[in-house]
Amino acid sequence: MASKSRPDTDPIAPASAAEVTLNALPGAVMRFGLDGRISLLNPAAERMLGIGENDALARPLADILQLVGHKDRLPLLPPLLHDLSQGNLASLGDQACLITQEGLELEVEGQAAPIFAADGRASEGVLLMRDVTEAREQQRKQAWLAEHDALTGAMNRQAFEDRLARVINSKRASEYPMTLLVIGLDSYDAVRSREGQSAGNELLIQIVRLLQTRLRDTDSIGRLDEAQLGITLAACPDDVAERIARTLYDSLSQHKLHWGKVGYPADISMGVVHIPPNWETLDRVMDAGQAACAQSHAGRGIAIHAN
């Protein structure tokens, strides 16, 4: 029996199939010679770079593919081309930024592979690249939120205590003096009960902002609970720490929250603990800070813990 003939089809030619596939890819694809000339851009690459393929073909690769390190701002294209010329795969790493033709800066990730000529030498490269700006921004936001109080921007208690514990247990603890301040915002409950949660929140925000303008970059501020803050003064002699504490106390005591037609003073209590080298536990330090803050609340003024 004669075999049945296959139905007529309209197959896509290999070149056309490859082109359709390339155009459908969501990521940017670029093909270029290692002499610095572009030979192909897919539509996603055109959109990402901000230039059409025909215009790109007439310009040097370095003018179109402007890649720099996110932090160090060093150009990434020369080492990428070098790796490809050696026949190696080349990754953009996790700090790559693309500067588009419109001057926008996108965070990108991707990998380039060499294309070999008949003589076995790498003559071209193909780069697959995708925009990860939004994803990395979300990662940074989540990392920040994991360590910070969303309302005030101060460190949350866990992050604050973790950092304090690392310093206490480090060798530096015996070499550099350090002081812990525990600040209680005594007027918080009264403001919140009279004006509502929004007013209480605003008072906290203003107090933290005021503190941030008066602290060094090496100092840390954390929100310990609803209306209590902690500050570490690192590498700070005891007498200097006490002067800083009194300056902060005076500034905070003079601050007022203006809510409607009423001004609410920021009544505070402050405990000061000079951390000696032989204190090796976080609990001991924090308990001393809480005790000094409670003493300040009872008697007003700054209370310095006696070691």
C-alpha atoms as a PDB file:
ATOM      1  CA  MET A   1       0.000   0.000   0.000  1.00  0.00           C
ATOM      2  CA  ALA A   2       1.316   3.342  -0.944  1.00  0.00           C
ATOM      3  CA  SER A   3       2.033   5.525   2.006  1.00  0.00           C
ATOM      4  CA  LYS A   4      -0.157   8.542   2.551  1.00  0.00           C
ATOM      5  CA  SER A   5       1.426  11.778   1.595  1.00  0.00           C
ATOM      6  CA  ARG A   6       1.916  14.364   4.338  1.00  0.00           C
ATOM      7  CA  PRO A   7      -0.555  17.235   4.222  1.00  0.00           C
ATOM      8  CA  ASP A   8       0.661  20.393   2.677  1.00  0.00           C
ATOM      9  CA  THR A   9       2.147  22.724   5.219  1.00  0.00           C
ATOM     10  CA  ASP A  10       3.654  26.150   5.185  1.00  0.00           C
ATOM     11  CA  PRO A  11       6.685  25.577   7.357  1.00  0.00           C
ATOM     12  CA  ILE A  12       8.564  28.539   8.709  1.00  0.00           C
ATOM     13  CA  ALA A  13      12.067  28.699   7.309  1.00  0.00           C
ATOM     14  CA  PRO A  14      14.775  28.209   9.924  1.00  0.00           C
ATOM     15  CA  ALA A  15      15.922  31.816   9.705  1.00  0.00           C
ATOM     16  CA  SER A  16      12.372  33.089  10.111  1.00  0.00           C
ATOM     17  CA  ALA A  17      11.716  30.752  13.022  1.00  0.00           C
ATOM     18  CA  ALA A  18      14.820  32.013  14.773  1.00  0.00           C
ATOM     19  CA  GLU A  19      13.776  35.591  14.133  1.00  0.00           C
ATOM     20  CA  VAL A  20      10.281  35.011  15.510  1.00  0.00           C
ATOM     21  CA  THR A  21      11.727  33.373  18.608  1.00  0.00           C
ATOM     22  CA  LEU A  22      14.249  36.156  19.110  1.00  0.00           C
ATOM     23  CA  ASN A  23      11.616  38.839  18.793  1.00  0.00           C
ATOM     24  CA  ALA A  24       9.355  37.071  21.285  1.00  0.00           C
ATOM     25  CA  LEU A  25      11.971  36.950  24.043  1.00  0.00           C
ATOM     26  CA  PRO A  26      11.179  39.325  26.935  1.00  0.00           C
ATOM     27  CA  GLY A  27      14.855  39.915  27.652  1.00  0.00           C
ATOM     28  CA  ALA A  28      17.238  42.021  25.608  1.00  0.00           C
ATOM     29  CA  VAL A  29      19.481  40.168  23.138  1.00  0.00           C
ATOM     30  CA  MET A  30      22.455  41.816  21.440  1.00  0.00           C
ATOM     31  CA  ARG A  31      24.948  40.392  18.994  1.00  0.00           C
ATOM     32  CA  PHE A  32      28.131  42.288  18.342  1.00  0.00           C
ATOM     33  CA  GLY A  33      31.614  41.896  16.974  1.00  0.00           C
ATOM     34  CA  LEU A  34      34.509  41.981  19.373  1.00  0.00           C
ATOM     35  CA  ASP A  35      35.824  44.832  17.240  1.00  0.00           C
ATOM     36  CA  GLY A  36      33.080  46.947  18.805  1.00  0.00           C
ATOM     37  CA  ARG A  37      30.237  46.897  16.266  1.00  0.00           C
ATOM     38  CA  ILE A  38      26.629  45.829  16.816  1.00  0.00           C
ATOM     39  CA  SER A  39      25.132  43.358  14.339  1.00  0.00           C
ATOM     40  CA  LEU A  40      21.755  42.576  15.942  1.00  0.00           C
ATOM     41  CA  LEU A  41      19.279  43.891  18.493  1.00  0.00           C
ATOM     42  CA  ASN A  42      15.986  42.224  19.294  1.00  0.00           C
ATOM     43  CA  PRO A  43      12.950  44.449  20.035  1.00  0.00           C
ATOM     44  CA  ALA A  44      13.420  44.107  23.791  1.00  0.00           C
ATOM     45  CA  ALA A  45      17.006  45.364  23.441  1.00  0.00           C
ATOM     46  CA  GLU A  46      15.819  48.296  21.333  1.00  0.00           C
ATOM     47  CA  ARG A  47      13.334  49.280  24.051  1.00  0.00           C
ATOM     48  CA  MET A  48      15.848  48.842  26.853  1.00  0.00           C
ATOM     49  CA  LEU A  49      18.658  50.735  25.146  1.00  0.00           C
ATOM     50  CA  GLY A  50      16.376  53.415  23.731  1.00  0.00           C
ATOM     51  CA  ILE A  51      17.574  53.071  20.147  1.00  0.00           C
ATOM     52  CA  GLY A  52      16.439  51.229  17.038  1.00  0.00           C
ATOM     53  CA  GLU A  53      18.525  48.486  15.484  1.00  0.00           C
ATOM     54  CA  ASN A  54      19.230  50.390  12.254  1.00  0.00           C
ATOM     55  CA  ASP A  55      20.545  53.404  14.172  1.00  0.00           C
ATOM     56  CA  ALA A  56      22.594  51.192  16.472  1.00  0.00           C
ATOM     57  CA  LEU A  57      24.333  49.396  13.603  1.00  0.00           C
ATOM     58  CA  ALA A  58      26.000  52.614  12.513  1.00  0.00           C
ATOM     59  CA  ARG A  59      27.462  53.454  15.920  1.00  0.00           C
ATOM     60  CA  PRO A  60      30.252  51.985  18.083  1.00  0.00           C
ATOM     61  CA  LEU A  61      29.192  49.433  20.688  1.00  0.00           C
ATOM     62  CA  ALA A  62      30.619  51.576  23.491  1.00  0.00           C
ATOM     63  CA  ASP A  63      28.199  54.383  22.574  1.00  0.00           C
ATOM     64  CA  ILE A  64      25.177  52.087  22.786  1.00  0.00           C
ATOM     65  CA  LEU A  65      26.052  49.646  25.571  1.00  0.00           C
ATOM     66  CA  GLN A  66      27.040  51.966  28.415  1.00  0.00           C
ATOM     67  CA  LEU A  67      27.489  49.665  31.401  1.00  0.00           C
ATOM     68  CA  VAL A  68      28.912  50.814  34.751  1.00  0.00           C
ATOM     69  CA  GLY A  69      29.153  49.440  38.263  1.00  0.00           C
ATOM     70  CA  HIS A  70      26.323  50.552  40.532  1.00  0.00           C
ATOM     71  CA  LYS A  71      28.677  51.593  43.353  1.00  0.00           C
ATOM     72  CA  ASP A  72      32.137  52.128  41.877  1.00  0.00           C
ATOM     73  CA  ARG A  73      30.894  53.552  38.516  1.00  0.00           C
ATOM     74  CA  LEU A  74      33.678  51.735  36.679  1.00  0.00           C
ATOM     75  CA  PRO A  75      32.958  50.762  33.039  1.00  0.00           C
ATOM     76  CA  LEU A  76      31.991  47.104  32.592  1.00  0.00           C
ATOM     77  CA  LEU A  77      32.217  46.776  28.816  1.00  0.00           C
ATOM     78  CA  PRO A  78      36.045  46.502  28.496  1.00  0.00           C
ATOM     79  CA  PRO A  79      36.390  43.518  30.882  1.00  0.00           C
ATOM     80  CA  LEU A  80      33.329  41.896  29.282  1.00  0.00           C
ATOM     81  CA  LEU A  81      34.889  42.144  25.805  1.00  0.00           C
ATOM     82  CA  HIS A  82      38.192  40.851  27.167  1.00  0.00           C
ATOM     83  CA  ASP A  83      36.564  37.751  28.638  1.00  0.00           C
ATOM     84  CA  LEU A  84      34.723  37.062  25.404  1.00  0.00           C
ATOM     85  CA  SER A  85      37.902  37.473  23.348  1.00  0.00           C
ATOM     86  CA  GLN A  86      39.446  34.747  25.529  1.00  0.00           C
ATOM     87  CA  GLY A  87      36.552  32.452  24.660  1.00  0.00           C
ATOM     88  CA  ASN A  88      34.973  32.681  28.128  1.00  0.00           C
ATOM     89  CA  LEU A  89      31.463  33.366  29.317  1.00  0.00           C
ATOM     90  CA  ALA A  90      31.106  36.806  30.881  1.00  0.00           C
ATOM     91  CA  SER A  91      28.596  37.728  33.591  1.00  0.00           C
ATOM     92  CA  LEU A  92      27.473  41.279  34.287  1.00  0.00           C
ATOM     93  CA  GLY A  93      27.491  40.493  38.009  1.00  0.00           C
ATOM     94  CA  ASP A  94      25.065  41.879  40.556  1.00  0.00           C
ATOM     95  CA  GLN A  95      26.099  45.547  40.418  1.00  0.00           C
ATOM     96  CA  ALA A  96      25.638  46.352  36.722  1.00  0.00           C
ATOM     97  CA  CYS A  97      23.826  49.485  35.596  1.00  0.00           C
ATOM     98  CA  LEU A  98      22.893  50.397  32.026  1.00  0.00           C
ATOM     99  CA  ILE A  99      22.760  54.050  30.998  1.00  0.00           C
ATOM    100  CA  THR A 100      20.221  54.278  28.179  1.00  0.00           C
ATOM    101  CA  GLN A 101      20.289  56.620  25.220  1.00  0.00           C
ATOM    102  CA  GLU A 102      17.735  58.807  27.028  1.00  0.00           C
ATOM    103  CA  GLY A 103      20.081  59.067  30.013  1.00  0.00           C
ATOM    104  CA  LEU A 104      18.047  56.775  32.253  1.00  0.00           C
ATOM    105  CA  GLU A 105      19.900  54.411  34.563  1.00  0.00           C
ATOM    106  CA  LEU A 106      18.638  50.837  34.795  1.00  0.00           C
ATOM    107  CA  GLU A 107      19.935  48.068  37.008  1.00  0.00           C
ATOM    108  CA  VAL A 108      20.500  45.013  34.843  1.00  0.00           C
ATOM    109  CA  GLU A 109      21.745  41.473  35.030  1.00  0.00           C
ATOM    110  CA  GLY A 110      22.830  39.181  32.237  1.00  0.00           C
ATOM    111  CA  GLN A 111      25.456  37.010  30.653  1.00  0.00           C
ATOM    112  CA  ALA A 112      27.445  37.143  27.445  1.00  0.00           C
ATOM    113  CA  ALA A 113      28.775  34.206  25.434  1.00  0.00           C
ATOM    114  CA  PRO A 114      31.442  34.155  22.711  1.00  0.00           C
ATOM    115  CA  ILE A 115      30.704  33.162  19.119  1.00  0.00           C
ATOM    116  CA  PHE A 116      33.591  31.408  17.422  1.00  0.00           C
ATOM    117  CA  ALA A 117      34.771  31.844  13.842  1.00  0.00           C
ATOM    118  CA  ALA A 118      35.832  28.982  11.561  1.00  0.00           C
ATOM    119  CA  ASP A 119      39.419  29.266  12.799  1.00  0.00           C
ATOM    120  CA  GLY A 120      38.285  28.606  16.368  1.00  0.00           C
ATOM    121  CA  ARG A 121      38.845  32.111  17.649  1.00  0.00           C
ATOM    122  CA  ALA A 122      36.138  34.172  19.291  1.00  0.00           C
ATOM    123  CA  SER A 123      35.049  36.861  16.862  1.00  0.00           C
ATOM    124  CA  GLU A 124      31.642  37.894  18.155  1.00  0.00           C
ATOM    125  CA  GLY A 125      29.581  37.875  21.313  1.00  0.00           C
ATOM    126  CA  VAL A 126      25.942  37.644  22.236  1.00  0.00           C
ATOM    127  CA  LEU A 127      24.594  39.298  25.371  1.00  0.00           C
ATOM    128  CA  LEU A 128      21.336  38.390  27.103  1.00  0.00           C
ATOM    129  CA  MET A 129      20.271  41.076  29.532  1.00  0.00           C
ATOM    130  CA  ARG A 130      17.188  41.982  31.554  1.00  0.00           C
ATOM    131  CA  ASP A 131      16.046  44.979  33.555  1.00  0.00           C
ATOM    132  CA  VAL A 132      15.986  44.196  37.300  1.00  0.00           C
ATOM    133  CA  THR A 133      15.636  47.764  38.585  1.00  0.00           C
ATOM    134  CA  GLU A 134      12.252  47.236  40.209  1.00  0.00           C
ATOM    135  CA  ALA A 135      13.152  43.823  41.620  1.00  0.00           C
ATOM    136  CA  ARG A 136      16.345  45.116  43.236  1.00  0.00           C
ATOM    137  CA  GLU A 137      14.566  48.154  44.629  1.00  0.00           C
ATOM    138  CA  GLN A 138      12.045  45.835  46.250  1.00  0.00           C
ATOM    139  CA  GLN A 139      14.882  43.731  47.668  1.00  0.00           C
ATOM    140  CA  ARG A 140      16.529  46.813  49.154  1.00  0.00           C
ATOM    141  CA  LYS A 141      13.202  47.954  50.572  1.00  0.00           C
ATOM    142  CA  GLN A 142      12.557  44.582  52.178  1.00  0.00           C
ATOM    143  CA  ALA A 143      16.085  44.462  53.590  1.00  0.00           C
ATOM    144  CA  TRP A 144      15.639  47.961  55.014  1.00  0.00           C
ATOM    145  CA  LEU A 145      12.255  47.129  56.537  1.00  0.00           C
ATOM    146  CA  ALA A 146      13.720  44.011  58.143  1.00  0.00           C
ATOM    147  CA  GLU A 147      16.027  46.226  60.228  1.00  0.00           C
ATOM    148  CA  HIS A 148      14.107  49.480  60.599  1.00  0.00           C
ATOM    149  CA  ASP A 149      10.960  50.806  62.189  1.00  0.00           C
ATOM    150  CA  ALA A 150       8.641  51.724  59.321  1.00  0.00           C
ATOM    151  CA  LEU A 151       7.171  54.741  61.155  1.00  0.00           C
ATOM    152  CA  THR A 152      10.273  56.589  62.330  1.00  0.00           C
ATOM    153  CA  GLY A 153      13.072  55.170  60.199  1.00  0.00           C
ATOM    154  CA  ALA A 154      15.066  54.283  63.318  1.00  0.00           C
ATOM    155  CA  MET A 155      16.415  50.754  63.683  1.00  0.00           C
ATOM    156  CA  ASN A 156      13.929  48.290  65.100  1.00  0.00           C
ATOM    157  CA  ARG A 157      14.677  46.740  68.485  1.00  0.00           C
ATOM    158  CA  GLN A 158      16.011  43.466  67.098  1.00  0.00           C
ATOM    159  CA  ALA A 159      18.461  45.145  64.737  1.00  0.00           C
ATOM    160  CA  PHE A 160      19.513  47.666  67.401  1.00  0.00           C
ATOM    161  CA  GLU A 161      20.200  44.965  69.976  1.00  0.00           C
ATOM    162  CA  ASP A 162      21.971  42.764  67.420  1.00  0.00           C
ATOM    163  CA  ARG A 163      24.341  45.609  66.558  1.00  0.00           C
ATOM    164  CA  LEU A 164      24.893  46.455  70.223  1.00  0.00           C
ATOM    165  CA  ALA A 165      25.601  42.799  71.038  1.00  0.00           C
ATOM    166  CA  ARG A 166      28.176  42.562  68.240  1.00  0.00           C
ATOM    167  CA  VAL A 167      30.009  45.606  69.571  1.00  0.00           C
ATOM    168  CA  ILE A 168      29.881  44.383  73.173  1.00  0.00           C
ATOM    169  CA  ASN A 169      31.342  41.018  72.172  1.00  0.00           C
ATOM    170  CA  SER A 170      33.984  42.423  69.854  1.00  0.00           C
ATOM    171  CA  LYS A 171      37.586  43.117  70.751  1.00  0.00           C
ATOM    172  CA  ARG A 172      36.897  46.820  70.229  1.00  0.00           C
ATOM    173  CA  ALA A 173      34.720  46.840  73.342  1.00  0.00           C
ATOM    174  CA  SER A 174      37.818  46.745  75.535  1.00  0.00           C
ATOM    175  CA  GLU A 175      39.620  49.380  73.462  1.00  0.00           C
ATOM    176  CA  TYR A 176      36.980  52.058  72.886  1.00  0.00           C
ATOM    177  CA  PRO A 177      34.509  53.433  75.440  1.00  0.00           C
ATOM    178  CA  MET A 178      30.839  53.194  74.560  1.00  0.00           C
ATOM    179  CA  THR A 179      27.670  54.586  76.105  1.00  0.00           C
ATOM    180  CA  LEU A 180      24.044  53.542  75.839  1.00  0.00           C
ATOM    181  CA  LEU A 181      21.241  56.108  76.157  1.00  0.00           C
ATOM    182  CA  VAL A 182      17.685  54.964  76.792  1.00  0.00           C
ATOM    183  CA  ILE A 183      15.112  57.688  76.158  1.00  0.00           C
ATOM    184  CA  GLY A 184      11.498  57.475  77.239  1.00  0.00           C
ATOM    185  CA  LEU A 185       9.006  59.787  75.545  1.00  0.00           C
ATOM    186  CA  ASP A 186       6.814  60.427  78.592  1.00  0.00           C
ATOM    187  CA  SER A 187       4.315  62.720  76.840  1.00  0.00           C
ATOM    188  CA  TYR A 188       3.485  60.166  74.155  1.00  0.00           C
ATOM    189  CA  ASP A 189       0.512  58.580  75.941  1.00  0.00           C
ATOM    190  CA  ALA A 190      -1.012  61.941  76.844  1.00  0.00           C
ATOM    191  CA  VAL A 191      -0.711  63.233  73.274  1.00  0.00           C
ATOM    192  CA  ARG A 192      -2.177  60.067  71.841  1.00  0.00           C
ATOM    193  CA  SER A 193      -5.109  59.973  74.274  1.00  0.00           C
ATOM    194  CA  ARG A 194      -6.012  63.618  73.622  1.00  0.00           C
ATOM    195  CA  GLU A 195      -5.297  63.947  69.916  1.00  0.00           C
ATOM    196  CA  GLY A 196      -5.275  60.404  68.578  1.00  0.00           C
ATOM    197  CA  GLN A 197      -2.731  57.980  67.190  1.00  0.00           C
ATOM    198  CA  SER A 198      -1.710  60.265  64.306  1.00  0.00           C
ATOM    199  CA  ALA A 199      -0.544  62.923  66.747  1.00  0.00           C
ATOM    200  CA  GLY A 200       1.387  60.365  68.800  1.00  0.00           C
ATOM    201  CA  ASN A 201       3.032  59.072  65.621  1.00  0.00           C
ATOM    202  CA  GLU A 202       3.992  62.577  64.540  1.00  0.00           C
ATOM    203  CA  LEU A 203       5.588  63.274  67.920  1.00  0.00           C
ATOM    204  CA  LEU A 204       7.730  60.127  67.593  1.00  0.00           C
ATOM    205  CA  ILE A 205       8.726  61.007  64.035  1.00  0.00           C
ATOM    206  CA  GLN A 206       9.767  64.530  65.037  1.00  0.00           C
ATOM    207  CA  ILE A 207      11.805  63.307  68.003  1.00  0.00           C
ATOM    208  CA  VAL A 208      13.709  60.769  65.907  1.00  0.00           C
ATOM    209  CA  ARG A 209      14.414  63.353  63.212  1.00  0.00           C
ATOM    210  CA  LEU A 210      15.701  65.785  65.818  1.00  0.00           C
ATOM    211  CA  LEU A 211      17.993  63.118  67.256  1.00  0.00           C
ATOM    212  CA  GLN A 212      19.303  62.140  63.828  1.00  0.00           C
ATOM    213  CA  THR A 213      20.443  65.718  63.176  1.00  0.00           C
ATOM    214  CA  ARG A 214      22.476  65.703  66.395  1.00  0.00           C
ATOM    215  CA  LEU A 215      24.147  62.296  66.210  1.00  0.00           C
ATOM    216  CA  ARG A 216      27.269  61.145  64.399  1.00  0.00           C
ATOM    217  CA  ASP A 217      27.148  58.680  61.509  1.00  0.00           C
ATOM    218  CA  THR A 218      28.841  56.130  63.784  1.00  0.00           C
ATOM    219  CA  ASP A 219      26.063  56.356  66.375  1.00  0.00           C
ATOM    220  CA  SER A 220      22.946  54.184  66.216  1.00  0.00           C
ATOM    221  CA  ILE A 221      19.365  54.985  67.139  1.00  0.00           C
ATOM    222  CA  GLY A 222      16.671  52.346  67.602  1.00  0.00           C
ATOM    223  CA  ARG A 223      13.033  52.216  68.626  1.00  0.00           C
ATOM    224  CA  LEU A 224      12.925  49.884  71.613  1.00  0.00           C
ATOM    225  CA  ASP A 225       9.175  49.909  72.141  1.00  0.00           C
ATOM    226  CA  GLU A 226       6.165  52.102  71.419  1.00  0.00           C
ATOM    227  CA  ALA A 227       7.534  55.221  73.116  1.00  0.00           C
ATOM    228  CA  GLN A 228      11.130  54.382  74.001  1.00  0.00           C
ATOM    229  CA  LEU A 229      14.318  54.912  72.017  1.00  0.00           C
ATOM    230  CA  GLY A 230      17.872  53.657  72.406  1.00  0.00           C
ATOM    231  CA  ILE A 231      21.079  55.349  71.255  1.00  0.00           C
ATOM    232  CA  THR A 232      24.612  53.981  71.207  1.00  0.00           C
ATOM    233  CA  LEU A 233      27.514  56.431  71.329  1.00  0.00           C
ATOM    234  CA  ALA A 234      30.443  54.406  70.030  1.00  0.00           C
ATOM    235  CA  ALA A 235      34.123  55.237  70.643  1.00  0.00           C
ATOM    236  CA  CYS A 236      33.047  58.088  72.895  1.00  0.00           C
ATOM    237  CA  PRO A 237      34.762  58.918  76.233  1.00  0.00           C
ATOM    238  CA  ASP A 238      32.410  58.991  79.205  1.00  0.00           C
ATOM    239  CA  ASP A 239      32.674  62.750  79.797  1.00  0.00           C
ATOM    240  CA  VAL A 240      31.999  63.494  76.137  1.00  0.00           C
ATOM    241  CA  ALA A 241      29.062  61.067  76.118  1.00  0.00           C
ATOM    242  CA  GLU A 242      27.555  62.838  79.116  1.00  0.00           C
ATOM    243  CA  ARG A 243      27.852  66.217  77.399  1.00  0.00           C
ATOM    244  CA  ILE A 244      26.146  64.775  74.327  1.00  0.00           C
ATOM    245  CA  ALA A 245      23.421  63.260  76.507  1.00  0.00           C
ATOM    246  CA  ARG A 246      22.743  66.596  78.231  1.00  0.00           C
ATOM    247  CA  THR A 247      22.638  68.423  74.899  1.00  0.00           C
ATOM    248  CA  LEU A 248      20.154  65.891  73.548  1.00  0.00           C
ATOM    249  CA  TYR A 249      18.097  66.065  76.740  1.00  0.00           C
ATOM    250  CA  ASP A 250      17.896  69.866  76.589  1.00  0.00           C
ATOM    251  CA  SER A 251      16.980  69.848  72.880  1.00  0.00           C
ATOM    252  CA  LEU A 252      14.252  67.257  73.336  1.00  0.00           C
ATOM    253  CA  SER A 253      12.869  68.930  76.453  1.00  0.00           C
ATOM    254  CA  GLN A 254      12.482  72.199  74.569  1.00  0.00           C
ATOM    255  CA  HIS A 255      10.747  70.573  71.613  1.00  0.00           C
ATOM    256  CA  LYS A 256       6.996  70.936  71.173  1.00  0.00           C
ATOM    257  CA  LEU A 257       4.528  69.142  68.956  1.00  0.00           C
ATOM    258  CA  HIS A 258       2.152  71.695  67.485  1.00  0.00           C
ATOM    259  CA  TRP A 259      -1.122  69.938  66.790  1.00  0.00           C
ATOM    260  CA  GLY A 260      -3.970  72.194  65.803  1.00  0.00           C
ATOM    261  CA  LYS A 261      -3.853  75.160  68.172  1.00  0.00           C
ATOM    262  CA  VAL A 262      -2.157  73.256  70.990  1.00  0.00           C
ATOM    263  CA  GLY A 263       1.545  72.789  71.642  1.00  0.00           C
ATOM    264  CA  TYR A 264       2.564  69.619  73.474  1.00  0.00           C
ATOM    265  CA  PRO A 265       6.009  69.576  75.116  1.00  0.00           C
ATOM    266  CA  ALA A 266       8.099  66.483  74.513  1.00  0.00           C
ATOM    267  CA  ASP A 267       8.569  65.458  78.136  1.00  0.00           C
ATOM    268  CA  ILE A 268      11.313  62.845  78.253  1.00  0.00           C
ATOM    269  CA  SER A 269      13.292  60.685  80.618  1.00  0.00           C
ATOM    270  CA  MET A 270      16.858  59.629  79.846  1.00  0.00           C
ATOM    271  CA  GLY A 271      19.067  56.933  81.301  1.00  0.00           C
ATOM    272  CA  VAL A 272      22.806  56.889  80.613  1.00  0.00           C
ATOM    273  CA  VAL A 273      24.937  53.740  80.865  1.00  0.00           C
ATOM    274  CA  HIS A 274      28.698  53.805  80.317  1.00  0.00           C
ATOM    275  CA  ILE A 275      29.391  50.228  79.240  1.00  0.00           C
ATOM    276  CA  PRO A 276      32.500  48.797  80.955  1.00  0.00           C
ATOM    277  CA  PRO A 277      34.694  46.237  79.146  1.00  0.00           C
ATOM    278  CA  ASN A 278      33.771  43.434  81.555  1.00  0.00           C
ATOM    279  CA  TRP A 279      30.064  43.528  80.664  1.00  0.00           C
ATOM    280  CA  GLU A 280      29.780  40.746  78.146  1.00  0.00           C
ATOM    281  CA  THR A 281      26.009  40.260  77.900  1.00  0.00           C
ATOM    282  CA  LEU A 282      23.451  42.327  76.066  1.00  0.00           C
ATOM    283  CA  ASP A 283      20.812  41.716  78.742  1.00  0.00           C
ATOM    284  CA  ARG A 284      22.992  43.255  81.413  1.00  0.00           C
ATOM    285  CA  VAL A 285      23.504  46.395  79.349  1.00  0.00           C
ATOM    286  CA  MET A 286      19.842  46.750  78.377  1.00  0.00           C
ATOM    287  CA  ASP A 287      18.632  46.119  81.946  1.00  0.00           C
ATOM    288  CA  ALA A 288      20.930  48.869  83.193  1.00  0.00           C
ATOM    289  CA  GLY A 289      19.614  51.242  80.554  1.00  0.00           C
ATOM    290  CA  GLN A 290      15.989  50.485  81.416  1.00  0.00           C
ATOM    291  CA  ALA A 291      16.685  50.957  85.126  1.00  0.00           C
ATOM    292  CA  ALA A 292      18.389  54.316  84.558  1.00  0.00           C
ATOM    293  CA  CYS A 293      15.554  55.494  82.327  1.00  0.00           C
ATOM    294  CA  ALA A 294      13.001  54.501  85.000  1.00  0.00           C
ATOM    295  CA  GLN A 295      15.025  56.412  87.607  1.00  0.00           C
ATOM    296  CA  SER A 296      15.022  59.462  85.332  1.00  0.00           C
ATOM    297  CA  HIS A 297      11.247  59.166  84.892  1.00  0.00           C
ATOM    298  CA  ALA A 298      10.726  59.095  88.642  1.00  0.00           C
ATOM    299  CA  GLY A 299      13.007  61.999  89.464  1.00  0.00           C
ATOM    300  CA  ARG A 300      13.207  63.922  86.183  1.00  0.00           C
ATOM    301  CA  GLY A 301      16.516  64.936  84.702  1.00  0.00           C
ATOM    302  CA  ILE A 302      19.187  62.579  83.391  1.00  0.00           C
ATOM    303  CA  ALA A 303      19.975  59.456  85.410  1.00  0.00           C
ATOM    304  CA  ILE A 304      23.475  57.981  85.047  1.00  0.00           C
ATOM    305  CA  HIS A 305      23.776  54.324  85.929  1.00  0.00           C
ATOM    306  CA  ALA A 306      26.429  53.608  88.541  1.00  0.00           C
ATOM    307  CA  ASN A 307      28.619  50.732  87.308  1.00  0.00           C
END
